[in-house]
N, C-alpha and C. Protein backbone atom coordinates (compact mmCIF):
# COMPACT_ATOMS: atom_id res chain seq x y z
N MET A 1 223.94 -113.05 17.22
CA MET A 1 224.56 -111.57 17.22
C MET A 1 223.71 -110.60 16.33
N THR A 2 223.09 -109.72 16.76
CA THR A 2 222.44 -108.42 15.77
C THR A 2 223.27 -107.97 14.90
N SER A 3 222.81 -107.55 13.67
CA SER A 3 223.68 -106.65 12.50
C SER A 3 224.13 -105.59 13.15
N SER A 4 225.49 -105.39 12.84
CA SER A 4 226.12 -104.14 13.25
C SER A 4 227.59 -104.32 12.66
N PRO A 5 228.24 -103.03 12.49
CA PRO A 5 229.49 -103.21 11.89
C PRO A 5 230.40 -104.50 12.59
N ALA A 6 230.48 -104.57 13.82
CA ALA A 6 231.21 -105.51 14.54
C ALA A 6 230.69 -106.97 13.88
N ALA A 7 229.44 -107.18 13.76
CA ALA A 7 228.80 -108.22 13.33
C ALA A 7 229.46 -108.65 12.03
N ALA A 8 229.59 -107.55 10.92
CA ALA A 8 229.55 -107.76 9.79
C ALA A 8 231.21 -108.17 9.45
N GLU A 9 232.01 -107.41 10.18
CA GLU A 9 233.37 -107.85 10.18
C GLU A 9 233.64 -109.20 10.65
N ARG A 10 232.99 -109.74 11.62
CA ARG A 10 233.23 -111.22 12.27
C ARG A 10 232.74 -112.07 11.17
N ALA A 11 231.60 -111.80 10.38
CA ALA A 11 231.14 -112.72 9.51
C ALA A 11 232.27 -112.82 8.17
N LEU A 12 232.93 -111.59 7.85
CA LEU A 12 233.63 -111.46 6.69
C LEU A 12 234.83 -112.11 6.83
N LEU A 13 235.50 -112.09 8.45
CA LEU A 13 236.62 -112.70 8.81
C LEU A 13 236.59 -114.13 8.59
N CYS A 14 235.52 -114.53 9.24
CA CYS A 14 235.07 -116.12 9.14
C CYS A 14 235.20 -116.76 7.70
N ASP A 15 234.46 -116.19 6.98
CA ASP A 15 234.39 -116.32 5.63
C ASP A 15 235.72 -116.62 5.16
N LEU A 16 236.58 -115.54 5.55
CA LEU A 16 237.93 -115.59 4.72
C LEU A 16 238.91 -116.61 5.36
N PHE A 17 238.75 -116.81 6.74
CA PHE A 17 239.28 -117.96 7.38
C PHE A 17 238.97 -119.16 6.75
N ILE A 18 237.76 -119.62 6.37
CA ILE A 18 237.59 -120.75 5.46
C ILE A 18 238.50 -120.73 4.20
N GLU A 19 238.19 -119.59 3.46
CA GLU A 19 238.74 -119.43 2.24
C GLU A 19 240.10 -119.69 1.99
N VAL A 20 240.88 -119.15 3.07
CA VAL A 20 242.48 -119.19 3.00
C VAL A 20 242.89 -120.41 3.71
N GLY A 21 242.07 -120.92 4.57
CA GLY A 21 242.85 -122.17 5.23
C GLY A 21 243.51 -121.91 6.67
N PRO A 22 243.85 -123.02 7.26
CA PRO A 22 244.37 -122.67 8.62
C PRO A 22 245.98 -122.33 8.52
N ASP A 23 246.36 -122.51 7.52
CA ASP A 23 247.94 -122.29 7.70
C ASP A 23 248.30 -121.01 7.07
N ALA A 24 247.50 -119.88 6.69
CA ALA A 24 247.73 -118.74 5.89
C ALA A 24 248.37 -117.94 6.90
N PRO A 25 249.40 -116.81 6.39
CA PRO A 25 249.96 -116.13 7.30
C PRO A 25 249.22 -114.91 7.64
N THR A 26 249.56 -114.22 8.72
CA THR A 26 248.53 -112.93 9.04
C THR A 26 249.71 -112.03 9.24
N LEU A 27 249.12 -110.82 9.64
CA LEU A 27 249.82 -109.44 10.27
C LEU A 27 250.05 -109.44 11.92
N ALA A 28 249.75 -110.63 12.46
CA ALA A 28 249.71 -110.73 13.81
C ALA A 28 250.79 -111.35 14.34
N GLY A 29 251.99 -111.07 13.95
CA GLY A 29 253.06 -111.75 14.55
C GLY A 29 253.55 -112.89 13.58
N ASP A 30 253.89 -114.06 14.38
CA ASP A 30 254.02 -115.47 13.60
C ASP A 30 252.85 -116.23 13.58
N TRP A 31 251.52 -115.75 14.04
CA TRP A 31 250.46 -116.50 14.19
C TRP A 31 250.05 -116.68 12.52
N THR A 32 249.63 -118.08 12.47
CA THR A 32 248.75 -118.49 11.41
C THR A 32 247.24 -118.15 11.47
N THR A 33 246.49 -118.22 10.37
CA THR A 33 245.13 -118.07 10.64
C THR A 33 244.58 -119.14 11.92
N ARG A 34 244.93 -120.28 12.06
CA ARG A 34 244.57 -121.29 12.89
C ARG A 34 244.85 -120.39 14.48
N ASP A 35 245.93 -119.96 14.70
CA ASP A 35 246.26 -119.34 15.80
C ASP A 35 245.54 -118.00 15.99
N LEU A 36 245.28 -117.26 15.17
CA LEU A 36 244.45 -115.94 15.31
C LEU A 36 242.72 -116.30 15.62
N ALA A 37 242.12 -117.35 14.85
CA ALA A 37 240.91 -117.83 15.26
C ALA A 37 241.03 -118.55 16.66
N ALA A 38 242.07 -119.18 16.87
CA ALA A 38 242.00 -119.72 18.46
C ALA A 38 241.89 -118.44 19.43
N HIS A 39 242.90 -117.42 19.17
CA HIS A 39 242.83 -116.25 20.15
C HIS A 39 241.35 -115.75 20.20
N LEU A 40 240.77 -115.55 18.94
CA LEU A 40 239.43 -114.93 19.16
C LEU A 40 238.26 -115.76 20.01
N VAL A 41 238.38 -116.98 19.84
CA VAL A 41 237.52 -117.75 20.75
C VAL A 41 237.98 -117.75 21.97
N VAL A 42 239.17 -117.64 22.57
CA VAL A 42 239.71 -117.49 23.84
C VAL A 42 239.25 -116.18 24.34
N ARG A 43 239.52 -115.34 23.66
CA ARG A 43 239.25 -113.80 23.95
C ARG A 43 237.70 -113.84 24.49
N GLU A 44 236.88 -114.41 23.96
CA GLU A 44 235.52 -114.20 24.19
C GLU A 44 234.81 -115.32 24.92
N ARG A 45 235.35 -116.42 25.26
CA ARG A 45 234.94 -117.44 25.89
C ARG A 45 235.94 -118.04 27.15
N ARG A 46 236.55 -117.45 27.41
CA ARG A 46 237.57 -117.82 28.60
C ARG A 46 238.25 -116.29 29.15
N PRO A 47 237.17 -115.95 30.05
CA PRO A 47 237.57 -114.79 30.91
C PRO A 47 238.84 -114.69 31.74
N ASP A 48 239.13 -116.14 32.07
CA ASP A 48 240.10 -116.64 33.08
C ASP A 48 241.37 -116.07 32.27
N ALA A 49 241.35 -116.30 30.91
CA ALA A 49 242.66 -116.14 30.37
C ALA A 49 242.57 -114.46 29.96
N GLY A 50 241.86 -113.79 30.16
CA GLY A 50 241.88 -112.39 29.67
C GLY A 50 242.88 -111.53 30.10
N PRO A 51 243.67 -111.61 31.51
CA PRO A 51 244.59 -110.78 31.70
C PRO A 51 245.95 -111.10 31.11
N GLY A 52 246.22 -112.41 30.68
CA GLY A 52 247.43 -112.68 29.86
C GLY A 52 247.18 -112.16 28.43
N ILE A 53 246.12 -112.01 27.86
CA ILE A 53 245.99 -111.23 26.55
C ILE A 53 246.46 -109.95 26.36
N VAL A 54 246.18 -109.19 27.21
CA VAL A 54 246.36 -107.80 27.26
C VAL A 54 247.41 -107.14 28.04
N THR A 55 248.14 -108.18 28.94
CA THR A 55 249.31 -107.58 29.79
C THR A 55 250.18 -108.96 29.91
N ASN A 56 251.54 -108.82 30.61
CA ASN A 56 252.15 -109.72 30.61
C ASN A 56 251.88 -110.64 31.59
N VAL A 57 250.91 -110.18 32.68
CA VAL A 57 250.72 -110.94 33.82
C VAL A 57 249.80 -112.14 33.35
N LEU A 58 250.26 -113.38 33.56
CA LEU A 58 249.68 -114.66 33.33
C LEU A 58 249.53 -114.69 31.77
N ALA A 59 250.55 -114.43 30.89
CA ALA A 59 250.71 -114.50 29.55
C ALA A 59 250.93 -115.70 29.36
N ASP A 60 251.82 -116.73 29.95
CA ASP A 60 251.88 -117.81 29.83
C ASP A 60 250.98 -118.78 29.89
N TYR A 61 250.10 -118.45 30.65
CA TYR A 61 248.57 -119.12 31.02
C TYR A 61 247.77 -119.27 29.78
N SER A 62 247.63 -117.69 29.50
CA SER A 62 246.66 -117.44 28.44
C SER A 62 247.32 -118.15 27.17
N GLU A 63 248.53 -118.19 27.09
CA GLU A 63 248.91 -118.69 25.63
C GLU A 63 248.66 -120.18 25.55
N GLY A 64 249.02 -120.71 26.98
CA GLY A 64 248.51 -122.27 27.01
C GLY A 64 246.76 -122.46 26.75
N VAL A 65 246.25 -121.76 27.17
CA VAL A 65 244.80 -121.63 26.82
C VAL A 65 244.47 -121.70 25.31
N ARG A 66 245.00 -120.78 24.67
CA ARG A 66 244.93 -120.39 23.21
C ARG A 66 245.72 -121.52 22.53
N ARG A 67 246.67 -122.36 22.93
CA ARG A 67 247.20 -123.42 22.14
C ARG A 67 246.17 -124.53 22.28
N ALA A 68 245.77 -124.75 23.43
CA ALA A 68 244.79 -125.91 23.57
C ALA A 68 243.52 -125.59 22.67
N GLU A 69 242.87 -124.51 22.60
CA GLU A 69 242.10 -124.35 21.57
C GLU A 69 242.25 -124.58 20.25
N ALA A 70 243.65 -124.18 19.84
CA ALA A 70 244.22 -124.38 18.52
C ALA A 70 244.16 -125.68 18.07
N GLU A 71 244.09 -126.83 18.86
CA GLU A 71 243.90 -128.06 18.72
C GLU A 71 242.73 -128.63 18.27
N ARG A 72 241.70 -127.87 18.34
CA ARG A 72 240.56 -128.38 17.68
C ARG A 72 240.50 -128.19 16.16
N PRO A 73 239.76 -129.06 15.60
CA PRO A 73 239.32 -129.07 13.96
C PRO A 73 239.14 -127.55 13.79
N TYR A 74 239.92 -126.95 12.48
CA TYR A 74 240.13 -125.65 12.22
C TYR A 74 238.45 -125.09 11.93
N GLU A 75 237.80 -125.91 11.05
CA GLU A 75 236.61 -125.51 10.86
C GLU A 75 235.62 -125.15 12.13
N GLU A 76 235.90 -126.06 13.36
CA GLU A 76 235.01 -126.15 14.50
C GLU A 76 235.69 -124.79 15.27
N ILE A 77 236.95 -124.36 15.07
CA ILE A 77 237.41 -123.23 15.81
C ILE A 77 236.90 -121.70 14.86
N VAL A 78 236.56 -121.65 13.83
CA VAL A 78 236.15 -120.73 13.07
C VAL A 78 234.63 -120.56 13.34
N GLU A 79 233.81 -121.88 13.39
CA GLU A 79 232.55 -121.79 13.68
C GLU A 79 232.42 -121.08 15.15
N ARG A 80 233.20 -121.32 16.16
CA ARG A 80 232.94 -121.00 17.38
C ARG A 80 233.24 -119.24 17.34
N VAL A 81 234.06 -118.86 16.47
CA VAL A 81 234.51 -117.63 16.15
C VAL A 81 232.95 -116.87 15.73
N ARG A 82 232.35 -117.56 14.49
CA ARG A 82 231.43 -117.13 13.88
C ARG A 82 230.06 -116.95 14.73
N ASN A 83 229.90 -117.97 15.76
CA ASN A 83 228.80 -117.76 16.67
C ASN A 83 228.80 -116.95 17.83
N GLY A 84 230.19 -116.31 17.76
CA GLY A 84 230.14 -115.20 18.80
C GLY A 84 230.07 -115.65 20.35
N PRO A 85 230.17 -114.70 21.40
CA PRO A 85 230.37 -114.84 22.52
C PRO A 85 229.35 -115.88 23.08
N PRO A 86 229.37 -116.39 24.24
CA PRO A 86 228.30 -117.31 24.95
C PRO A 86 227.47 -116.31 25.55
N ARG A 87 226.31 -116.98 26.05
CA ARG A 87 225.09 -116.16 26.35
C ARG A 87 225.20 -115.31 27.47
N TRP A 88 226.14 -115.73 28.31
CA TRP A 88 226.75 -115.02 29.66
C TRP A 88 227.58 -113.80 29.61
N SER A 89 228.14 -113.65 28.21
CA SER A 89 229.23 -112.79 28.11
C SER A 89 228.49 -111.23 28.02
N PRO A 90 229.19 -110.00 28.59
CA PRO A 90 228.86 -108.97 28.32
C PRO A 90 228.83 -108.53 26.87
N MET A 91 229.84 -109.25 26.10
CA MET A 91 229.76 -108.97 24.76
C MET A 91 228.70 -109.01 23.86
N ARG A 92 227.84 -109.70 24.46
CA ARG A 92 226.45 -109.97 23.60
C ARG A 92 225.71 -108.51 23.73
N VAL A 93 226.03 -108.03 24.76
CA VAL A 93 225.12 -106.65 24.64
C VAL A 93 225.67 -105.56 23.69
N PRO A 94 224.76 -105.13 22.93
CA PRO A 94 225.08 -104.33 21.44
C PRO A 94 226.30 -103.29 22.11
N ALA A 95 225.95 -102.46 22.79
CA ALA A 95 226.95 -101.51 23.27
C ALA A 95 228.18 -101.83 23.62
N VAL A 96 228.25 -102.99 24.34
CA VAL A 96 229.59 -103.54 24.62
C VAL A 96 230.22 -104.29 23.33
N ASP A 97 229.54 -104.79 22.48
CA ASP A 97 230.15 -105.43 21.39
C ASP A 97 230.45 -104.20 20.34
N ARG A 98 229.87 -103.34 20.51
CA ARG A 98 230.41 -102.13 19.50
C ARG A 98 231.90 -101.54 20.08
N LEU A 99 231.83 -101.42 21.23
CA LEU A 99 233.17 -100.98 21.92
C LEU A 99 234.37 -101.90 21.83
N THR A 100 234.04 -103.48 21.92
CA THR A 100 235.18 -104.10 22.18
C THR A 100 235.43 -105.01 20.83
N ASN A 101 234.42 -104.94 19.87
CA ASN A 101 234.71 -106.01 18.83
C ASN A 101 235.01 -105.33 17.48
N THR A 102 234.28 -103.99 17.35
CA THR A 102 234.56 -103.40 16.18
C THR A 102 235.82 -103.26 15.37
N ILE A 103 236.59 -102.56 16.18
CA ILE A 103 237.99 -102.47 16.00
C ILE A 103 238.50 -103.82 16.02
N GLU A 104 238.56 -104.87 16.92
CA GLU A 104 239.14 -106.09 17.17
C GLU A 104 238.94 -106.63 15.77
N PHE A 105 237.75 -106.80 15.40
CA PHE A 105 237.41 -107.65 14.17
C PHE A 105 237.82 -106.82 12.90
N PHE A 106 237.69 -105.68 12.92
CA PHE A 106 238.20 -104.66 11.49
C PHE A 106 239.66 -105.20 11.65
N VAL A 107 240.59 -105.03 12.58
CA VAL A 107 241.83 -105.00 12.35
C VAL A 107 242.50 -106.58 12.17
N HIS A 108 241.58 -107.22 12.99
CA HIS A 108 242.05 -109.05 12.65
C HIS A 108 241.59 -109.53 11.07
N HIS A 109 240.50 -108.95 10.69
CA HIS A 109 240.10 -108.93 9.26
C HIS A 109 241.08 -108.61 8.19
N GLU A 110 241.83 -107.41 8.75
CA GLU A 110 242.86 -107.04 7.69
C GLU A 110 244.19 -107.65 7.99
N ASP A 111 244.23 -108.25 9.06
CA ASP A 111 245.55 -109.23 9.43
C ASP A 111 245.45 -110.21 8.32
N VAL A 112 244.33 -110.86 8.29
CA VAL A 112 244.26 -111.93 7.28
C VAL A 112 244.12 -111.37 5.95
N ARG A 113 243.47 -110.59 5.40
CA ARG A 113 243.58 -110.03 4.08
C ARG A 113 245.00 -109.55 3.57
N ARG A 114 245.61 -109.09 4.74
CA ARG A 114 247.12 -108.45 4.16
C ARG A 114 248.19 -109.23 4.59
N GLY A 115 247.75 -110.53 5.14
CA GLY A 115 248.88 -111.65 5.54
C GLY A 115 249.56 -112.03 4.30
N GLY A 116 249.17 -112.18 3.30
CA GLY A 116 249.68 -112.65 1.70
C GLY A 116 250.38 -111.52 1.13
N THR A 117 250.64 -111.70 -0.11
CA THR A 117 251.24 -110.53 -0.87
C THR A 117 250.47 -109.91 -1.83
N ALA A 118 248.99 -110.40 -1.90
CA ALA A 118 248.42 -109.90 -2.96
C ALA A 118 247.12 -109.19 -2.45
N TRP A 119 246.90 -108.10 -2.17
CA TRP A 119 245.73 -107.40 -1.29
C TRP A 119 245.84 -105.91 -1.64
N SER A 120 244.66 -105.33 -1.54
CA SER A 120 244.77 -103.62 -1.78
C SER A 120 243.60 -103.24 -0.76
N PRO A 121 243.78 -102.13 -0.26
CA PRO A 121 242.78 -101.50 0.67
C PRO A 121 241.34 -101.53 -0.01
N ARG A 122 240.43 -101.69 0.83
CA ARG A 122 238.97 -101.74 0.35
C ARG A 122 238.49 -100.67 1.01
N GLN A 123 237.17 -100.53 0.31
CA GLN A 123 236.23 -99.38 0.63
C GLN A 123 235.41 -99.65 1.79
N LEU A 124 235.59 -98.71 2.69
CA LEU A 124 234.58 -99.37 4.15
C LEU A 124 233.22 -99.01 3.97
N ALA A 125 232.61 -99.70 4.64
CA ALA A 125 230.98 -99.69 4.47
C ALA A 125 230.87 -98.33 5.34
N PRO A 126 229.94 -97.56 5.02
CA PRO A 126 229.69 -96.47 5.69
C PRO A 126 229.33 -96.44 7.28
N GLU A 127 228.60 -97.48 7.53
CA GLU A 127 228.62 -97.86 9.09
C GLU A 127 229.81 -98.10 9.98
N LEU A 128 230.64 -98.91 9.17
CA LEU A 128 232.02 -99.27 9.74
C LEU A 128 232.88 -98.01 9.71
N GLU A 129 232.71 -97.10 8.93
CA GLU A 129 233.42 -96.12 8.99
C GLU A 129 233.08 -95.05 10.04
N GLN A 130 232.08 -94.95 10.14
CA GLN A 130 231.22 -94.12 11.31
C GLN A 130 231.61 -94.55 12.63
N THR A 131 231.31 -95.94 12.85
CA THR A 131 232.06 -96.43 14.19
C THR A 131 233.46 -96.37 14.46
N LEU A 132 234.31 -96.46 13.32
CA LEU A 132 235.70 -96.45 13.59
C LEU A 132 235.91 -95.04 14.08
N SER A 133 235.47 -94.17 13.26
CA SER A 133 235.60 -92.75 13.31
C SER A 133 235.06 -92.34 14.94
N SER A 134 234.18 -92.87 15.33
CA SER A 134 233.75 -92.52 16.76
C SER A 134 234.66 -93.22 17.84
N LEU A 135 235.53 -94.32 17.58
CA LEU A 135 236.18 -95.13 18.44
C LEU A 135 237.70 -94.90 18.47
N ILE A 136 238.19 -94.19 17.40
CA ILE A 136 239.78 -94.09 17.08
C ILE A 136 240.30 -93.20 18.18
N GLY A 137 239.40 -92.15 18.76
CA GLY A 137 240.19 -91.20 19.55
C GLY A 137 240.18 -91.71 20.99
N PRO A 138 239.22 -92.42 21.58
CA PRO A 138 239.46 -93.12 22.87
C PRO A 138 240.52 -94.24 22.72
N ALA A 139 240.49 -94.95 21.63
CA ALA A 139 241.26 -96.04 21.51
C ALA A 139 242.80 -95.54 21.27
N GLY A 140 242.95 -94.57 20.57
CA GLY A 140 244.11 -94.04 20.22
C GLY A 140 245.02 -93.59 21.23
N LYS A 141 243.97 -92.83 22.19
CA LYS A 141 244.86 -92.10 23.38
C LYS A 141 245.39 -93.31 24.26
N LEU A 142 244.91 -94.21 24.29
CA LEU A 142 245.29 -95.45 25.13
C LEU A 142 246.70 -96.03 24.50
N LEU A 143 246.46 -96.05 22.99
CA LEU A 143 247.57 -96.91 21.95
C LEU A 143 248.79 -96.08 22.31
N THR A 144 248.45 -94.71 22.33
CA THR A 144 250.03 -93.96 21.95
C THR A 144 250.38 -93.29 23.15
N ARG A 145 249.82 -93.74 24.31
CA ARG A 145 250.38 -93.35 25.57
C ARG A 145 251.89 -93.43 26.15
N THR A 146 252.67 -94.24 25.35
CA THR A 146 253.97 -94.45 25.36
C THR A 146 254.79 -93.53 24.31
N SER A 147 254.10 -92.65 23.53
CA SER A 147 254.95 -92.00 22.54
C SER A 147 255.67 -91.01 23.20
N PRO A 148 256.96 -90.77 22.37
CA PRO A 148 258.08 -89.80 22.93
C PRO A 148 257.52 -88.32 22.53
N VAL A 149 256.74 -88.35 21.48
CA VAL A 149 256.40 -86.99 20.99
C VAL A 149 254.81 -86.83 20.84
N GLY A 150 254.36 -86.09 20.43
CA GLY A 150 252.77 -85.62 20.50
C GLY A 150 252.27 -86.20 19.17
N VAL A 151 251.11 -86.92 19.39
CA VAL A 151 250.50 -87.57 18.29
C VAL A 151 249.13 -86.93 17.93
N VAL A 152 248.80 -86.68 16.80
CA VAL A 152 247.62 -86.20 16.18
C VAL A 152 247.08 -87.26 15.04
N VAL A 153 246.07 -87.63 15.12
CA VAL A 153 245.68 -88.46 14.08
C VAL A 153 244.57 -87.59 13.21
N ALA A 154 244.82 -87.62 11.96
CA ALA A 154 244.14 -86.93 11.07
C ALA A 154 243.53 -87.61 9.72
N PRO A 155 242.36 -88.48 9.87
CA PRO A 155 242.33 -89.23 9.04
C PRO A 155 241.40 -88.34 7.64
N ASP A 156 241.65 -88.81 6.66
CA ASP A 156 240.92 -88.23 5.42
C ASP A 156 239.43 -88.07 5.80
N GLY A 157 238.77 -86.87 5.56
CA GLY A 157 237.43 -86.68 5.65
C GLY A 157 237.04 -86.54 7.12
N HIS A 158 237.86 -86.70 8.11
CA HIS A 158 237.27 -86.66 9.45
C HIS A 158 238.02 -85.61 10.28
N PRO A 159 237.62 -85.10 11.36
CA PRO A 159 238.10 -84.38 12.06
C PRO A 159 239.65 -84.90 12.91
N ALA A 160 240.65 -83.86 12.76
CA ALA A 160 241.71 -84.18 13.50
C ALA A 160 241.73 -84.30 15.08
N THR A 161 242.36 -85.47 15.46
CA THR A 161 242.30 -85.52 17.04
C THR A 161 243.67 -85.67 17.70
N THR A 162 243.80 -85.02 18.89
CA THR A 162 245.04 -85.02 19.59
C THR A 162 244.84 -86.28 20.36
N LEU A 163 245.94 -87.15 20.09
CA LEU A 163 245.81 -88.46 20.93
C LEU A 163 246.86 -88.48 22.13
N HIS A 164 248.16 -87.82 21.69
CA HIS A 164 249.09 -87.76 22.95
C HIS A 164 249.77 -86.31 22.86
N LYS A 165 249.68 -85.61 23.68
CA LYS A 165 250.15 -84.22 24.02
C LYS A 165 251.62 -84.45 24.00
N GLY A 166 252.43 -83.42 23.34
CA GLY A 166 253.93 -83.37 23.45
C GLY A 166 254.27 -82.50 22.25
N GLU A 167 255.49 -82.01 22.54
CA GLU A 167 256.12 -81.29 21.58
C GLU A 167 257.41 -82.07 21.34
N PRO A 168 257.89 -82.04 19.79
CA PRO A 168 257.11 -81.74 18.62
C PRO A 168 256.01 -82.74 18.45
N THR A 169 255.13 -82.46 17.49
CA THR A 169 254.08 -83.25 17.13
C THR A 169 254.04 -83.81 15.87
N VAL A 170 253.58 -85.26 15.68
CA VAL A 170 253.52 -85.63 14.42
C VAL A 170 251.95 -85.78 14.13
N ALA A 171 251.59 -85.61 12.99
CA ALA A 171 250.22 -85.91 12.49
C ALA A 171 250.33 -87.07 11.51
N VAL A 172 249.17 -88.03 11.99
CA VAL A 172 249.28 -89.56 11.19
C VAL A 172 247.77 -89.14 10.31
N GLY A 173 248.04 -89.27 8.97
CA GLY A 173 246.95 -89.19 7.98
C GLY A 173 246.73 -90.30 7.06
N GLY A 174 245.67 -90.07 6.31
CA GLY A 174 245.28 -91.25 5.42
C GLY A 174 244.05 -91.63 5.62
N PRO A 175 243.63 -92.45 4.90
CA PRO A 175 242.25 -93.35 5.08
C PRO A 175 242.02 -93.69 6.50
N LEU A 176 240.79 -93.46 6.79
CA LEU A 176 240.62 -93.79 8.24
C LEU A 176 241.17 -95.26 8.87
N GLY A 177 240.69 -96.09 7.97
CA GLY A 177 241.25 -97.69 8.33
C GLY A 177 242.60 -97.84 8.28
N GLU A 178 243.35 -97.30 7.29
CA GLU A 178 244.54 -97.24 7.34
C GLU A 178 245.23 -96.56 8.76
N CYS A 179 244.60 -95.54 9.30
CA CYS A 179 245.22 -95.03 10.51
C CYS A 179 244.86 -95.79 11.55
N VAL A 180 243.72 -96.58 11.64
CA VAL A 180 243.50 -97.41 12.73
C VAL A 180 244.37 -98.52 12.75
N LEU A 181 244.70 -99.06 11.54
CA LEU A 181 245.74 -100.10 11.79
C LEU A 181 247.24 -99.63 12.22
N PHE A 182 247.57 -98.60 11.85
CA PHE A 182 248.77 -97.97 12.00
C PHE A 182 249.09 -97.81 13.66
N LEU A 183 247.68 -97.41 14.43
CA LEU A 183 247.69 -97.06 15.59
C LEU A 183 247.68 -98.56 16.47
N TYR A 184 247.15 -99.66 15.76
CA TYR A 184 247.24 -100.97 16.24
C TYR A 184 248.44 -101.51 15.84
N GLY A 185 249.63 -101.10 15.41
CA GLY A 185 251.01 -101.66 15.21
C GLY A 185 250.93 -102.29 13.97
N ARG A 186 250.10 -102.02 13.04
CA ARG A 186 250.40 -102.67 11.64
C ARG A 186 251.23 -101.44 10.95
N THR A 187 252.22 -101.08 11.38
CA THR A 187 252.96 -100.20 10.95
C THR A 187 253.25 -100.33 9.35
N ALA A 188 253.71 -101.59 9.05
CA ALA A 188 254.29 -102.00 7.78
C ALA A 188 253.28 -102.04 6.55
N ALA A 189 252.05 -102.30 6.97
CA ALA A 189 250.95 -102.54 6.00
C ALA A 189 250.20 -101.17 5.98
N ALA A 190 250.26 -100.47 6.99
CA ALA A 190 249.27 -99.59 6.91
C ALA A 190 249.66 -98.20 5.86
N GLN A 191 248.80 -97.74 5.37
CA GLN A 191 249.10 -96.71 4.21
C GLN A 191 248.81 -95.31 4.55
N VAL A 192 249.79 -94.93 5.49
CA VAL A 192 249.22 -93.54 6.08
C VAL A 192 250.68 -92.52 5.84
N GLU A 193 250.37 -91.25 6.00
CA GLU A 193 251.22 -90.26 5.80
C GLU A 193 251.59 -89.58 7.03
N PHE A 194 252.90 -88.88 7.27
CA PHE A 194 253.08 -88.27 8.39
C PHE A 194 253.35 -86.74 8.02
N GLU A 195 253.12 -86.09 9.00
CA GLU A 195 253.27 -84.58 8.89
C GLU A 195 254.30 -84.12 10.27
N GLY A 196 255.33 -83.57 10.00
CA GLY A 196 256.07 -83.17 11.49
C GLY A 196 257.73 -83.20 11.07
N PRO A 197 258.51 -82.79 12.16
CA PRO A 197 259.93 -82.82 11.94
C PRO A 197 260.34 -84.45 11.77
N ALA A 198 261.33 -84.45 11.05
CA ALA A 198 261.84 -85.82 10.60
C ALA A 198 262.27 -86.62 11.87
N ASP A 199 262.94 -85.96 12.64
CA ASP A 199 263.35 -86.63 13.92
C ASP A 199 262.13 -86.98 14.82
N ALA A 200 261.33 -86.24 14.78
CA ALA A 200 260.05 -86.51 15.62
C ALA A 200 259.12 -87.89 14.79
N ILE A 201 259.08 -87.94 13.67
CA ILE A 201 258.61 -88.92 13.05
C ILE A 201 259.21 -90.18 13.27
N ALA A 202 260.52 -90.10 13.26
CA ALA A 202 261.60 -91.20 13.25
C ALA A 202 261.24 -91.87 14.79
N ALA A 203 261.23 -90.75 15.81
CA ALA A 203 261.09 -91.45 17.02
C ALA A 203 259.82 -91.97 17.60
N MET A 204 258.65 -91.47 16.69
CA MET A 204 257.41 -91.96 16.90
C MET A 204 257.20 -93.25 16.36
N ARG A 205 257.98 -93.38 15.26
CA ARG A 205 258.01 -94.66 14.54
C ARG A 205 258.68 -96.04 15.07
N ALA A 206 259.56 -95.56 16.17
CA ALA A 206 260.36 -96.35 16.86
C ALA A 206 259.70 -97.15 18.01
N VAL A 207 258.56 -96.56 18.45
CA VAL A 207 257.80 -97.06 19.45
C VAL A 207 256.62 -98.10 18.73
N THR A 208 256.37 -99.10 19.14
CA THR A 208 255.20 -99.98 18.53
C THR A 208 254.07 -99.73 19.62
N PHE A 209 253.32 -99.21 19.30
CA PHE A 209 251.81 -98.86 19.67
C PHE A 209 251.27 -100.09 20.11
N GLY A 210 250.43 -99.93 20.80
CA GLY A 210 249.44 -101.10 21.47
C GLY A 210 249.10 -101.06 22.91
N ILE A 211 248.21 -101.91 23.13
CA ILE A 211 247.69 -102.06 24.33
C ILE A 211 248.70 -102.68 25.52
């Protein structure tokens, strides 16, 4: 894999996987680090399990594939994540890697960083910040499609973007990485601020954003 923000987040996440071990908690529901690492392997190496990862269609099948992957030795699973997708995968194309893996590995890196009790926000590398900024609009529009109110994301130091049209409207602000985490459903851990009518904020927060 060539050097890129996605590759950097992948490497940092794999280092952290080894540091915390297979049974550490994450922000990805009740998944441990072993579960999350297995998910990342299946996502890249088992296209037959893809539909069940992003929708309820074939979800049981995909979960079975993930559980089978999780039976491997933990260090082997992490190494498979570190090595990236196989040669035949479109994810090896730099442009596809950027679109599909930058946010994926950033969010899951934070899932592990923040899974315990001792963590603090980190300063993002400029290249990562730039890439997240370019992706948050298209991704956010998909993620907020079920919002009952309008949603605008206004990350610190970046232009505001309307993600979902509607009235009233809520603006989500804060550091860019925190806004990304909020939009990807890490609502309890994301350090963001809201502007808008109180009832609209409550209505938006009652919805779990995600694909």
